Amino acid sequence: MQDGLHQLLCNQLFPKMKETVTALVLILASLCNYTLLLVASGMTPANVMLMNIVVTFVGVGLGLFVNLRYTKLLESAQE
């Protein structure tokens, strides 16, 4: 689901540099995964849960922002 959505957005928003955007997304996802695991290894279980909650809220917030911005772009393109 996430990969399909990513491909759809890349095809519509960045038609000439889809591969570059995909590569950047995958590189950044790997770096985030490594960094979060490194940080979590030195935390207590309660702090790891708190970090997970914060990361989830940030992800949901960014997802909503991208969705709203994408909707605006589609509406302005149709006019």
Protein backbone atom coordinates (compact mmCIF):
# COMPACT_ATOMS: atom_id res chain seq x y z
CA MET A 1 0.00 0.00 0.00
CA GLN A 2 2.65 2.49 1.03
CA ASP A 3 4.87 1.64 -1.92
CA GLY A 4 1.95 1.92 -4.34
CA LEU A 5 1.01 5.32 -2.97
CA HIS A 6 4.62 6.41 -3.19
CA GLN A 7 4.80 5.34 -6.84
CA LEU A 8 1.52 7.11 -7.65
CA LEU A 9 2.71 10.36 -6.10
CA CYS A 10 6.09 10.13 -7.80
CA ASN A 11 4.48 9.51 -11.18
CA GLN A 12 2.22 12.53 -10.85
CA LEU A 13 4.43 15.01 -8.99
CA PHE A 14 7.90 14.14 -10.32
CA PRO A 15 7.44 12.46 -13.71
CA LYS A 16 10.99 13.18 -14.91
CA MET A 17 12.84 12.11 -11.74
CA LYS A 18 10.86 9.19 -10.31
CA GLU A 19 13.94 7.04 -9.78
CA THR A 20 15.80 9.79 -7.92
CA VAL A 21 12.87 10.44 -5.60
CA THR A 22 12.44 6.71 -4.94
CA ALA A 23 16.15 6.32 -4.17
CA LEU A 24 16.10 9.29 -1.78
CA VAL A 25 13.03 7.97 0.02
CA LEU A 26 14.62 4.55 0.50
CA ILE A 27 17.96 5.99 1.64
CA LEU A 28 16.28 8.30 4.15
CA ALA A 29 14.05 5.48 5.43
CA SER A 30 17.11 3.31 6.03
CA LEU A 31 18.94 6.11 7.83
CA CYS A 32 15.92 6.82 10.01
CA ASN A 33 15.52 3.15 10.86
CA TYR A 34 19.18 2.83 11.86
CA THR A 35 19.15 6.09 13.86
CA LEU A 36 15.95 5.26 15.74
CA LEU A 37 17.22 1.79 16.65
CA LEU A 38 20.52 3.25 17.81
CA VAL A 39 18.77 5.84 19.98
CA ALA A 40 16.28 3.31 21.35
CA SER A 41 19.03 0.91 22.37
CA GLY A 42 20.11 3.31 25.11
CA MET A 43 16.62 4.05 26.45
CA THR A 44 14.39 2.50 29.05
CA PRO A 45 11.30 0.65 27.78
CA ALA A 46 9.02 3.51 28.91
CA ASN A 47 11.08 6.04 26.96
CA VAL A 48 11.05 3.79 23.88
CA MET A 49 7.24 3.73 24.03
CA LEU A 50 7.16 7.52 24.38
CA MET A 51 9.50 7.88 21.40
CA ASN A 52 7.26 5.55 19.36
CA ILE A 53 4.22 7.67 20.22
CA VAL A 54 6.00 10.88 19.22
CA VAL A 55 7.29 9.38 15.95
CA THR A 56 3.78 8.11 15.16
CA PHE A 57 2.21 11.53 15.72
CA VAL A 58 4.88 13.21 13.60
CA GLY A 59 4.29 10.67 10.81
CA VAL A 60 0.53 11.12 10.92
CA GLY A 61 0.94 14.91 10.90
CA LEU A 62 3.27 14.80 7.91
CA GLY A 63 0.95 12.38 6.12
CA LEU A 64 -2.00 14.71 6.63
CA PHE A 65 0.06 17.67 5.41
CA VAL A 66 1.11 15.83 2.25
CA ASN A 67 -2.46 14.64 1.63
CA LEU A 68 -3.91 18.15 2.02
CA ARG A 69 -1.18 19.69 -0.14
CA TYR A 70 -1.68 17.02 -2.81
CA THR A 71 -5.44 17.65 -2.81
CA LYS A 72 -4.82 21.39 -3.26
CA LEU A 73 -2.44 20.74 -6.14
CA LEU A 74 -4.98 18.51 -7.87
CA GLU A 75 -7.76 21.07 -7.42
CA SER A 76 -5.62 23.89 -8.80
CA ALA A 77 -4.55 21.73 -11.77
CA GLN A 78 -8.16 20.96 -12.66
CA GLU A 79 -9.15 24.63 -12.75
